Amino acid sequence: MKTNKTMPKEVAPQHQDKQPGIEKEMTPRPIYDNNEPGHGRLKGKVAIITGGDSGIGRAVAIAYAKEGAETVIVYLNEHEDAKQTADEIRKYGKETLLIATDISKEENCKKIIDQTLEKFNRLDILVNNAAVQYVQHAIEDISAEQLEYTFRVNIFSQFYLSKFAVPHLKEGSSIINTASITAYRGNEELMDYSSTKGAIVSFTRALSQSLVKKGIRVNAVAPGPVWTPLIPASFDEEKVGEFGKNTPIGRTAQPVEIAPSYVFLASNDGVFFTGQVLHPNGGSVVNT
């Protein structure tokens, strides 16, 4: 959905039974484009975006295309959502490489880098964005299988992709990791998810120190509540209907409102930022 209008304040109660969720089944649909033109800030660059089929990832992919970048959209199995993202990118004169794979497995992460280089012969930006979350009301309910899979998707994949990407990144390249407000505040029903997001913050800081002498910047974005498929795929209808209302701004964010942080961090505008976390969260003050 594109809009220049005021962002909606409420979302409809709804639920999806499968992670990480399908954007085309959401009501209302998330807003991923604001109709504003790009400014060529990423012209000539190639970006990999995990979870790029929908939600924040879709908004980032479209924003990058508007700024002149070639994009690689990595997703699990949400083929229709991914194709729609590719269609939106084409409207800005860009093609995209779609890769459907399970990033929880190291060998698949290597293949993503290999396919990107085969297609575009370079890599400049890695956006580690994909994630899963599963609501559990008590720590006793979190199985070993759930714990391991959540960590594999949310943080192991960031290690894997960064490891295989770094040898191909040059001075001026950028790695951007999606953290969350839950890294700072926690969430009583998302203990394992919150833990992975805390790990992502620490990973971002450590990797930034490791790569700073190579001129490769590493930063993170820690959004507050955002209207993405992960929300109806995680919570029951009642909680979805109330989602985001407890923010100081009084509503959930739309993906299009989060994407500018990723553009800033990937472009020369953010050249003095590394090891940092941006907080587009609707006014919540967190201890950074």
C-alpha atoms as a PDB file:
ATOM      1  CA  MET A   1       0.000   0.000   0.000  1.00  0.00           C
ATOM      2  CA  LYS A   2       1.204   3.503  -0.852  1.00  0.00           C
ATOM      3  CA  THR A   3       0.035   6.647   0.860  1.00  0.00           C
ATOM      4  CA  ASN A   4       0.860  10.230   1.636  1.00  0.00           C
ATOM      5  CA  LYS A   5      -1.927  10.451   4.191  1.00  0.00           C
ATOM      6  CA  THR A   6      -1.786  10.381   7.975  1.00  0.00           C
ATOM      7  CA  MET A   7      -0.855   6.922   9.223  1.00  0.00           C
ATOM      8  CA  PRO A   8      -3.763   4.851  10.590  1.00  0.00           C
ATOM      9  CA  LYS A   9      -4.010   4.693  14.383  1.00  0.00           C
ATOM     10  CA  GLU A  10      -5.733   1.327  14.718  1.00  0.00           C
ATOM     11  CA  VAL A  11      -5.421  -2.157  13.295  1.00  0.00           C
ATOM     12  CA  ALA A  12      -8.179  -4.747  13.062  1.00  0.00           C
ATOM     13  CA  PRO A  13      -8.236  -7.777  15.397  1.00  0.00           C
ATOM     14  CA  GLN A  14      -6.982 -10.805  13.430  1.00  0.00           C
ATOM     15  CA  HIS A  15      -4.817 -13.888  13.674  1.00  0.00           C
ATOM     16  CA  GLN A  16      -2.718 -16.069  11.368  1.00  0.00           C
ATOM     17  CA  ASP A  17      -1.765 -19.638  12.254  1.00  0.00           C
ATOM     18  CA  LYS A  18       1.677 -19.809  10.640  1.00  0.00           C
ATOM     19  CA  GLN A  19       4.999 -18.006  11.157  1.00  0.00           C
ATOM     20  CA  PRO A  20       6.369 -15.673   9.901  1.00  0.00           C
ATOM     21  CA  GLY A  21       3.003 -14.550   8.482  1.00  0.00           C
ATOM     22  CA  ILE A  22       1.557 -13.466   5.130  1.00  0.00           C
ATOM     23  CA  GLU A  23       1.223  -9.761   4.349  1.00  0.00           C
ATOM     24  CA  LYS A  24      -1.522 -10.141   1.747  1.00  0.00           C
ATOM     25  CA  GLU A  25      -3.811 -11.623   4.418  1.00  0.00           C
ATOM     26  CA  MET A  26      -3.526  -8.619   6.757  1.00  0.00           C
ATOM     27  CA  THR A  27      -6.282  -6.057   7.356  1.00  0.00           C
ATOM     28  CA  PRO A  28      -5.461  -3.258   6.890  1.00  0.00           C
ATOM     29  CA  ARG A  29      -2.431  -3.924   4.738  1.00  0.00           C
ATOM     30  CA  PRO A  30       0.838  -2.445   6.000  1.00  0.00           C
ATOM     31  CA  ILE A  31       2.043   0.764   4.378  1.00  0.00           C
ATOM     32  CA  TYR A  32       5.429   0.263   2.739  1.00  0.00           C
ATOM     33  CA  ASP A  33       5.816   3.248   0.384  1.00  0.00           C
ATOM     34  CA  ASN A  34       5.136   6.959   0.842  1.00  0.00           C
ATOM     35  CA  ASN A  35       5.265   7.997  -2.849  1.00  0.00           C
ATOM     36  CA  GLU A  36       8.265  10.227  -2.147  1.00  0.00           C
ATOM     37  CA  PRO A  37      11.092  10.098  -4.720  1.00  0.00           C
ATOM     38  CA  GLY A  38      14.546   8.795  -3.893  1.00  0.00           C
ATOM     39  CA  HIS A  39      17.706  10.863  -4.085  1.00  0.00           C
ATOM     40  CA  GLY A  40      20.232   8.403  -5.520  1.00  0.00           C
ATOM     41  CA  ARG A  41      21.957   7.897  -2.184  1.00  0.00           C
ATOM     42  CA  LEU A  42      22.572   4.177  -2.857  1.00  0.00           C
ATOM     43  CA  LYS A  43      23.176   4.323  -6.599  1.00  0.00           C
ATOM     44  CA  GLY A  44      25.369   1.492  -7.831  1.00  0.00           C
ATOM     45  CA  LYS A  45      25.181  -0.479  -4.590  1.00  0.00           C
ATOM     46  CA  VAL A  46      23.927  -4.035  -4.077  1.00  0.00           C
ATOM     47  CA  ALA A  47      21.986  -4.952  -0.943  1.00  0.00           C
ATOM     48  CA  ILE A  48      20.855  -8.266   0.543  1.00  0.00           C
ATOM     49  CA  ILE A  49      17.729  -7.988   2.712  1.00  0.00           C
ATOM     50  CA  THR A  50      16.535 -10.995   4.687  1.00  0.00           C
ATOM     51  CA  GLY A  51      12.822 -11.050   5.353  1.00  0.00           C
ATOM     52  CA  GLY A  52      12.529  -8.707   2.402  1.00  0.00           C
ATOM     53  CA  ASP A  53       9.251 -10.125   1.148  1.00  0.00           C
ATOM     54  CA  SER A  54       7.076  -8.212   3.632  1.00  0.00           C
ATOM     55  CA  GLY A  55       6.927  -5.885   6.611  1.00  0.00           C
ATOM     56  CA  ILE A  56      10.022  -3.848   7.416  1.00  0.00           C
ATOM     57  CA  GLY A  57      12.072  -5.812   4.887  1.00  0.00           C
ATOM     58  CA  ARG A  58       9.707  -4.941   2.031  1.00  0.00           C
ATOM     59  CA  ALA A  59       9.722  -1.264   2.964  1.00  0.00           C
ATOM     60  CA  VAL A  60      13.525  -1.254   3.128  1.00  0.00           C
ATOM     61  CA  ALA A  61      13.844  -3.041  -0.217  1.00  0.00           C
ATOM     62  CA  ILE A  62      11.568  -0.513  -1.926  1.00  0.00           C
ATOM     63  CA  ALA A  63      13.326   2.416  -0.265  1.00  0.00           C
ATOM     64  CA  TYR A  64      16.699   1.056  -1.404  1.00  0.00           C
ATOM     65  CA  ALA A  65      15.425   0.625  -4.962  1.00  0.00           C
ATOM     66  CA  LYS A  66      14.195   4.222  -4.944  1.00  0.00           C
ATOM     67  CA  GLU A  67      17.686   5.285  -3.867  1.00  0.00           C
ATOM     68  CA  GLY A  68      19.256   3.398  -6.788  1.00  0.00           C
ATOM     69  CA  ALA A  69      20.361   0.109  -5.223  1.00  0.00           C
ATOM     70  CA  GLU A  70      20.044  -3.374  -6.664  1.00  0.00           C
ATOM     71  CA  THR A  71      18.387  -5.689  -4.148  1.00  0.00           C
ATOM     72  CA  VAL A  72      18.372  -9.352  -3.184  1.00  0.00           C
ATOM     73  CA  ILE A  73      15.212 -10.390  -1.328  1.00  0.00           C
ATOM     74  CA  VAL A  74      15.644 -13.403   0.943  1.00  0.00           C
ATOM     75  CA  TYR A  75      12.556 -15.057   2.387  1.00  0.00           C
ATOM     76  CA  LEU A  76      11.341 -18.445   3.651  1.00  0.00           C
ATOM     77  CA  ASN A  77       8.338 -19.521   1.573  1.00  0.00           C
ATOM     78  CA  GLU A  78       6.037 -16.484   1.227  1.00  0.00           C
ATOM     79  CA  HIS A  79       6.241 -16.550  -2.565  1.00  0.00           C
ATOM     80  CA  GLU A  80       3.272 -14.293  -3.343  1.00  0.00           C
ATOM     81  CA  ASP A  81       4.445 -11.605  -0.938  1.00  0.00           C
ATOM     82  CA  ALA A  82       7.947 -11.778  -2.424  1.00  0.00           C
ATOM     83  CA  LYS A  83       6.625 -11.455  -5.974  1.00  0.00           C
ATOM     84  CA  GLN A  84       4.605  -8.399  -4.989  1.00  0.00           C
ATOM     85  CA  THR A  85       7.709  -6.821  -3.478  1.00  0.00           C
ATOM     86  CA  ALA A  86       9.564  -7.483  -6.743  1.00  0.00           C
ATOM     87  CA  ASP A  87       6.706  -5.879  -8.677  1.00  0.00           C
ATOM     88  CA  GLU A  88       6.881  -2.762  -6.506  1.00  0.00           C
ATOM     89  CA  ILE A  89      10.647  -2.569  -6.984  1.00  0.00           C
ATOM     90  CA  ARG A  90      10.211  -2.739 -10.767  1.00  0.00           C
ATOM     91  CA  LYS A  91       8.081   0.394 -10.613  1.00  0.00           C
ATOM     92  CA  TYR A  92      11.279   2.221  -9.705  1.00  0.00           C
ATOM     93  CA  GLY A  93      13.192   0.768 -12.633  1.00  0.00           C
ATOM     94  CA  LYS A  94      14.983  -1.953 -10.702  1.00  0.00           C
ATOM     95  CA  GLU A  95      14.995  -5.728 -10.859  1.00  0.00           C
ATOM     96  CA  THR A  96      15.524  -7.890  -7.794  1.00  0.00           C
ATOM     97  CA  LEU A  97      16.856 -11.359  -7.088  1.00  0.00           C
ATOM     98  CA  LEU A  98      14.426 -13.475  -5.064  1.00  0.00           C
ATOM     99  CA  ILE A  99      15.906 -16.261  -2.920  1.00  0.00           C
ATOM    100  CA  ALA A 100      13.607 -18.586  -0.981  1.00  0.00           C
ATOM    101  CA  THR A 101      15.583 -20.435   1.681  1.00  0.00           C
ATOM    102  CA  ASP A 102      15.855 -21.288   5.374  1.00  0.00           C
ATOM    103  CA  ILE A 103      18.469 -18.948   6.828  1.00  0.00           C
ATOM    104  CA  SER A 104      18.665 -20.946  10.053  1.00  0.00           C
ATOM    105  CA  LYS A 105      21.077 -23.247   8.193  1.00  0.00           C
ATOM    106  CA  GLU A 106      24.646 -22.105   7.624  1.00  0.00           C
ATOM    107  CA  GLU A 107      25.016 -23.657   4.178  1.00  0.00           C
ATOM    108  CA  ASN A 108      21.985 -21.740   2.933  1.00  0.00           C
ATOM    109  CA  CYS A 109      23.486 -18.456   4.109  1.00  0.00           C
ATOM    110  CA  LYS A 110      26.636 -19.155   2.109  1.00  0.00           C
ATOM    111  CA  LYS A 111      24.506 -19.858  -0.965  1.00  0.00           C
ATOM    112  CA  ILE A 112      22.791 -16.480  -0.565  1.00  0.00           C
ATOM    113  CA  ILE A 113      26.118 -14.682  -0.765  1.00  0.00           C
ATOM    114  CA  ASP A 114      27.275 -16.861  -3.679  1.00  0.00           C
ATOM    115  CA  GLN A 115      24.073 -16.258  -5.679  1.00  0.00           C
ATOM    116  CA  THR A 116      24.265 -12.524  -5.034  1.00  0.00           C
ATOM    117  CA  LEU A 117      27.820 -12.339  -6.333  1.00  0.00           C
ATOM    118  CA  GLU A 118      26.940 -14.478  -9.338  1.00  0.00           C
ATOM    119  CA  LYS A 119      24.063 -12.136 -10.208  1.00  0.00           C
ATOM    120  CA  PHE A 120      25.548  -8.721  -9.428  1.00  0.00           C
ATOM    121  CA  ASN A 121      29.309  -9.352  -9.026  1.00  0.00           C
ATOM    122  CA  ARG A 122      29.438  -7.242  -5.866  1.00  0.00           C
ATOM    123  CA  LEU A 123      27.926  -6.740  -2.418  1.00  0.00           C
ATOM    124  CA  ASP A 124      27.771  -3.463  -0.501  1.00  0.00           C
ATOM    125  CA  ILE A 125      24.961  -3.729   2.068  1.00  0.00           C
ATOM    126  CA  LEU A 126      23.750  -6.609   4.210  1.00  0.00           C
ATOM    127  CA  VAL A 127      20.467  -6.113   6.075  1.00  0.00           C
ATOM    128  CA  ASN A 128      19.939  -8.908   8.606  1.00  0.00           C
ATOM    129  CA  ASN A 129      16.226  -8.439   9.202  1.00  0.00           C
ATOM    130  CA  ALA A 130      14.364 -11.781   9.211  1.00  0.00           C
ATOM    131  CA  ALA A 131      13.030 -13.112  12.514  1.00  0.00           C
ATOM    132  CA  VAL A 132      10.485 -15.371  14.165  1.00  0.00           C
ATOM    133  CA  GLN A 133       8.762 -15.121  17.544  1.00  0.00           C
ATOM    134  CA  TYR A 134       6.511 -17.509  19.439  1.00  0.00           C
ATOM    135  CA  VAL A 135       4.313 -16.446  22.342  1.00  0.00           C
ATOM    136  CA  GLN A 136       4.707 -18.501  25.511  1.00  0.00           C
ATOM    137  CA  HIS A 137       3.295 -17.474  28.882  1.00  0.00           C
ATOM    138  CA  ALA A 138       5.922 -19.178  31.048  1.00  0.00           C
ATOM    139  CA  ILE A 139       9.552 -20.195  30.623  1.00  0.00           C
ATOM    140  CA  GLU A 140       8.516 -23.780  31.324  1.00  0.00           C
ATOM    141  CA  ASP A 141       6.534 -23.718  28.076  1.00  0.00           C
ATOM    142  CA  ILE A 142       9.529 -22.873  25.879  1.00  0.00           C
ATOM    143  CA  SER A 143      10.756 -26.133  24.399  1.00  0.00           C
ATOM    144  CA  ALA A 144      14.379 -26.779  23.521  1.00  0.00           C
ATOM    145  CA  GLU A 145      13.307 -27.016  19.873  1.00  0.00           C
ATOM    146  CA  GLN A 146      11.605 -23.597  19.938  1.00  0.00           C
ATOM    147  CA  LEU A 147      14.525 -21.998  21.755  1.00  0.00           C
ATOM    148  CA  GLU A 148      17.074 -23.333  19.312  1.00  0.00           C
ATOM    149  CA  TYR A 149      15.072 -22.464  16.193  1.00  0.00           C
ATOM    150  CA  THR A 150      14.385 -18.911  17.391  1.00  0.00           C
ATOM    151  CA  PHE A 151      18.096 -18.382  17.985  1.00  0.00           C
ATOM    152  CA  ARG A 152      19.031 -19.990  14.673  1.00  0.00           C
ATOM    153  CA  VAL A 153      16.725 -17.744  12.643  1.00  0.00           C
ATOM    154  CA  ASN A 154      17.175 -14.533  14.593  1.00  0.00           C
ATOM    155  CA  ILE A 155      20.877 -14.424  15.493  1.00  0.00           C
ATOM    156  CA  PHE A 156      22.739 -17.444  14.105  1.00  0.00           C
ATOM    157  CA  SER A 157      21.759 -16.354  10.594  1.00  0.00           C
ATOM    158  CA  GLN A 158      23.243 -12.913  11.226  1.00  0.00           C
ATOM    159  CA  PHE A 159      26.555 -14.518  12.204  1.00  0.00           C
ATOM    160  CA  TYR A 160      26.476 -16.813   9.171  1.00  0.00           C
ATOM    161  CA  LEU A 161      25.567 -14.170   6.608  1.00  0.00           C
ATOM    162  CA  SER A 162      28.038 -11.648   8.005  1.00  0.00           C
ATOM    163  CA  LYS A 163      30.811 -14.261   8.023  1.00  0.00           C
ATOM    164  CA  PHE A 164      30.295 -15.084   4.367  1.00  0.00           C
ATOM    165  CA  ALA A 165      29.650 -11.486   3.318  1.00  0.00           C
ATOM    166  CA  VAL A 166      32.608  -9.751   4.964  1.00  0.00           C
ATOM    167  CA  PRO A 167      35.294 -11.078   2.563  1.00  0.00           C
ATOM    168  CA  HIS A 168      33.377  -9.420  -0.280  1.00  0.00           C
ATOM    169  CA  LEU A 169      32.601  -6.100   1.410  1.00  0.00           C
ATOM    170  CA  LYS A 170      34.779  -3.091   0.717  1.00  0.00           C
ATOM    171  CA  GLU A 171      35.499   0.156   2.499  1.00  0.00           C
ATOM    172  CA  GLY A 172      32.226   2.067   2.739  1.00  0.00           C
ATOM    173  CA  SER A 173      30.097  -1.059   2.950  1.00  0.00           C
ATOM    174  CA  SER A 174      27.474  -1.465   5.641  1.00  0.00           C
ATOM    175  CA  ILE A 175      25.889  -4.218   7.727  1.00  0.00           C
ATOM    176  CA  ILE A 176      22.571  -3.347   9.369  1.00  0.00           C
ATOM    177  CA  ASN A 177      20.931  -5.683  11.887  1.00  0.00           C
ATOM    178  CA  THR A 178      17.314  -5.527  13.018  1.00  0.00           C
ATOM    179  CA  ALA A 179      17.120  -5.578  16.809  1.00  0.00           C
ATOM    180  CA  SER A 180      13.980  -4.597  18.782  1.00  0.00           C
ATOM    181  CA  ILE A 181      12.753  -2.555  21.701  1.00  0.00           C
ATOM    182  CA  THR A 182      12.395  -5.918  23.456  1.00  0.00           C
ATOM    183  CA  ALA A 183      16.206  -6.078  23.657  1.00  0.00           C
ATOM    184  CA  TYR A 184      16.012  -3.222  26.156  1.00  0.00           C
ATOM    185  CA  ARG A 185      12.628  -3.757  27.819  1.00  0.00           C
ATOM    186  CA  GLY A 186      12.119  -7.484  27.477  1.00  0.00           C
ATOM    187  CA  ASN A 187       8.722  -9.069  26.936  1.00  0.00           C
ATOM    188  CA  GLU A 188       7.220 -11.557  29.371  1.00  0.00           C
ATOM    189  CA  GLU A 189       5.623 -13.577  26.563  1.00  0.00           C
ATOM    190  CA  LEU A 190       8.607 -13.420  24.193  1.00  0.00           C
ATOM    191  CA  MET A 191      11.525 -14.409  26.392  1.00  0.00           C
ATOM    192  CA  ASP A 192      13.530 -16.271  23.773  1.00  0.00           C
ATOM    193  CA  TYR A 193      12.812 -13.667  21.088  1.00  0.00           C
ATOM    194  CA  SER A 194      13.830 -10.842  23.436  1.00  0.00           C
ATOM    195  CA  SER A 195      17.030 -12.724  24.241  1.00  0.00           C
ATOM    196  CA  THR A 196      17.956 -12.986  20.571  1.00  0.00           C
ATOM    197  CA  LYS A 197      17.369  -9.277  20.113  1.00  0.00           C
ATOM    198  CA  GLY A 198      19.650  -8.509  23.049  1.00  0.00           C
ATOM    199  CA  ALA A 199      22.266 -10.738  21.456  1.00  0.00           C
ATOM    200  CA  ILE A 200      21.887  -8.816  18.194  1.00  0.00           C
ATOM    201  CA  VAL A 201      22.709  -5.546  19.960  1.00  0.00           C
ATOM    202  CA  SER A 202      25.874  -7.052  21.446  1.00  0.00           C
ATOM    203  CA  PHE A 203      26.769  -8.697  18.132  1.00  0.00           C
ATOM    204  CA  THR A 204      26.391  -5.356  16.371  1.00  0.00           C
ATOM    205  CA  ARG A 205      28.702  -3.608  18.806  1.00  0.00           C
ATOM    206  CA  ALA A 206      31.339  -6.347  18.718  1.00  0.00           C
ATOM    207  CA  LEU A 207      31.322  -6.779  14.927  1.00  0.00           C
ATOM    208  CA  SER A 208      31.548  -3.027  14.432  1.00  0.00           C
ATOM    209  CA  GLN A 209      34.790  -2.974  16.423  1.00  0.00           C
ATOM    210  CA  SER A 210      36.133  -5.908  14.444  1.00  0.00           C
ATOM    211  CA  LEU A 211      35.457  -4.284  11.065  1.00  0.00           C
ATOM    212  CA  VAL A 212      36.002  -0.588  11.727  1.00  0.00           C
ATOM    213  CA  LYS A 213      39.603  -0.600  10.451  1.00  0.00           C
ATOM    214  CA  LYS A 214      38.370  -2.070   7.176  1.00  0.00           C
ATOM    215  CA  GLY A 215      35.976   0.843   6.758  1.00  0.00           C
ATOM    216  CA  ILE A 216      32.922  -1.419   7.064  1.00  0.00           C
ATOM    217  CA  ARG A 217      30.207   0.021   9.284  1.00  0.00           C
ATOM    218  CA  VAL A 218      27.930  -2.160  11.435  1.00  0.00           C
ATOM    219  CA  ASN A 219      24.790  -0.736  13.030  1.00  0.00           C
ATOM    220  CA  ALA A 220      21.335  -1.836  14.134  1.00  0.00           C
ATOM    221  CA  VAL A 221      17.761  -0.599  14.166  1.00  0.00           C
ATOM    222  CA  ALA A 222      15.583  -1.388  17.197  1.00  0.00           C
ATOM    223  CA  PRO A 223      11.962  -0.663  16.232  1.00  0.00           C
ATOM    224  CA  GLY A 224       9.060  -0.479  18.627  1.00  0.00           C
ATOM    225  CA  PRO A 225       5.678  -1.949  17.612  1.00  0.00           C
ATOM    226  CA  VAL A 226       5.431  -2.193  13.811  1.00  0.00           C
ATOM    227  CA  TRP A 227       2.494  -3.474  11.745  1.00  0.00           C
ATOM    228  CA  THR A 228       4.038  -6.501  10.021  1.00  0.00           C
ATOM    229  CA  PRO A 229       2.855 -10.076   9.317  1.00  0.00           C
ATOM    230  CA  LEU A 230       4.767 -11.274  12.372  1.00  0.00           C
ATOM    231  CA  ILE A 231       2.178  -9.615  14.620  1.00  0.00           C
ATOM    232  CA  PRO A 232      -1.021 -11.472  13.592  1.00  0.00           C
ATOM    233  CA  ALA A 233       1.115 -14.611  13.224  1.00  0.00           C
ATOM    234  CA  SER A 234       2.194 -14.301  16.872  1.00  0.00           C
ATOM    235  CA  PHE A 235      -0.671 -12.912  18.944  1.00  0.00           C
ATOM    236  CA  ASP A 236      -4.379 -13.610  19.391  1.00  0.00           C
ATOM    237  CA  GLU A 237      -7.032 -11.335  17.909  1.00  0.00           C
ATOM    238  CA  GLU A 238      -7.560  -9.311  21.090  1.00  0.00           C
ATOM    239  CA  LYS A 239      -3.885  -8.427  21.486  1.00  0.00           C
ATOM    240  CA  VAL A 240      -3.517  -7.635  17.802  1.00  0.00           C
ATOM    241  CA  GLY A 241      -6.421  -5.186  18.076  1.00  0.00           C
ATOM    242  CA  GLU A 242      -4.604  -3.357  20.893  1.00  0.00           C
ATOM    243  CA  PHE A 243      -1.160  -3.603  19.338  1.00  0.00           C
ATOM    244  CA  GLY A 244       0.910  -0.429  19.576  1.00  0.00           C
ATOM    245  CA  LYS A 245      -1.614   1.633  21.533  1.00  0.00           C
ATOM    246  CA  ASN A 246       0.669   1.739  24.586  1.00  0.00           C
ATOM    247  CA  THR A 247       3.384   3.713  22.776  1.00  0.00           C
ATOM    248  CA  PRO A 248       3.707   7.416  23.649  1.00  0.00           C
ATOM    249  CA  ILE A 249       2.699   8.271  20.080  1.00  0.00           C
ATOM    250  CA  GLY A 250      -0.443   6.166  20.575  1.00  0.00           C
ATOM    251  CA  ARG A 251      -0.261   3.779  17.627  1.00  0.00           C
ATOM    252  CA  THR A 252       1.785   1.123  15.903  1.00  0.00           C
ATOM    253  CA  ALA A 253       4.330   2.162  13.285  1.00  0.00           C
ATOM    254  CA  GLN A 254       3.977   1.383   9.616  1.00  0.00           C
ATOM    255  CA  PRO A 255       6.985  -0.245   7.879  1.00  0.00           C
ATOM    256  CA  VAL A 256       7.455   2.841   5.698  1.00  0.00           C
ATOM    257  CA  GLU A 257       8.218   4.828   8.858  1.00  0.00           C
ATOM    258  CA  ILE A 258      11.031   2.446   9.844  1.00  0.00           C
ATOM    259  CA  ALA A 259      12.738   2.147   6.443  1.00  0.00           C
ATOM    260  CA  PRO A 260      14.423   5.600   6.502  1.00  0.00           C
ATOM    261  CA  SER A 261      16.640   4.449   9.377  1.00  0.00           C
ATOM    262  CA  TYR A 262      18.027   1.716   7.125  1.00  0.00           C
ATOM    263  CA  VAL A 263      18.562   4.139   4.247  1.00  0.00           C
ATOM    264  CA  PHE A 264      20.421   6.532   6.525  1.00  0.00           C
ATOM    265  CA  LEU A 265      22.697   3.840   7.949  1.00  0.00           C
ATOM    266  CA  ALA A 266      23.506   2.428   4.494  1.00  0.00           C
ATOM    267  CA  SER A 267      24.236   5.773   2.854  1.00  0.00           C
ATOM    268  CA  ASN A 268      27.001   8.328   3.187  1.00  0.00           C
ATOM    269  CA  ASP A 269      24.670  10.301   5.468  1.00  0.00           C
ATOM    270  CA  GLY A 270      25.472   7.750   8.184  1.00  0.00           C
ATOM    271  CA  VAL A 271      29.199   7.591   7.541  1.00  0.00           C
ATOM    272  CA  PHE A 272      30.106   8.490  11.157  1.00  0.00           C
ATOM    273  CA  PHE A 273      27.790   5.835  12.631  1.00  0.00           C
ATOM    274  CA  THR A 274      29.129   2.416  13.555  1.00  0.00           C
ATOM    275  CA  GLY A 275      28.320   0.203  16.515  1.00  0.00           C
ATOM    276  CA  GLN A 276      25.148   2.225  17.066  1.00  0.00           C
ATOM    277  CA  VAL A 277      21.447   1.435  17.409  1.00  0.00           C
ATOM    278  CA  LEU A 278      18.670   3.667  16.069  1.00  0.00           C
ATOM    279  CA  HIS A 279      15.360   3.606  17.944  1.00  0.00           C
ATOM    280  CA  PRO A 280      12.271   4.353  15.803  1.00  0.00           C
ATOM    281  CA  ASN A 281       9.812   3.346  18.520  1.00  0.00           C
ATOM    282  CA  GLY A 282       7.174   6.055  18.802  1.00  0.00           C
ATOM    283  CA  GLY A 283       8.668   7.910  21.745  1.00  0.00           C
ATOM    284  CA  SER A 284       9.620   5.182  24.206  1.00  0.00           C
ATOM    285  CA  VAL A 285      12.788   6.116  26.077  1.00  0.00           C
ATOM    286  CA  VAL A 286      15.122   3.146  26.487  1.00  0.00           C
ATOM    287  CA  ASN A 287      18.480   2.726  28.156  1.00  0.00           C
ATOM    288  CA  THR A 288      20.896   2.414  25.241  1.00  0.00           C
END
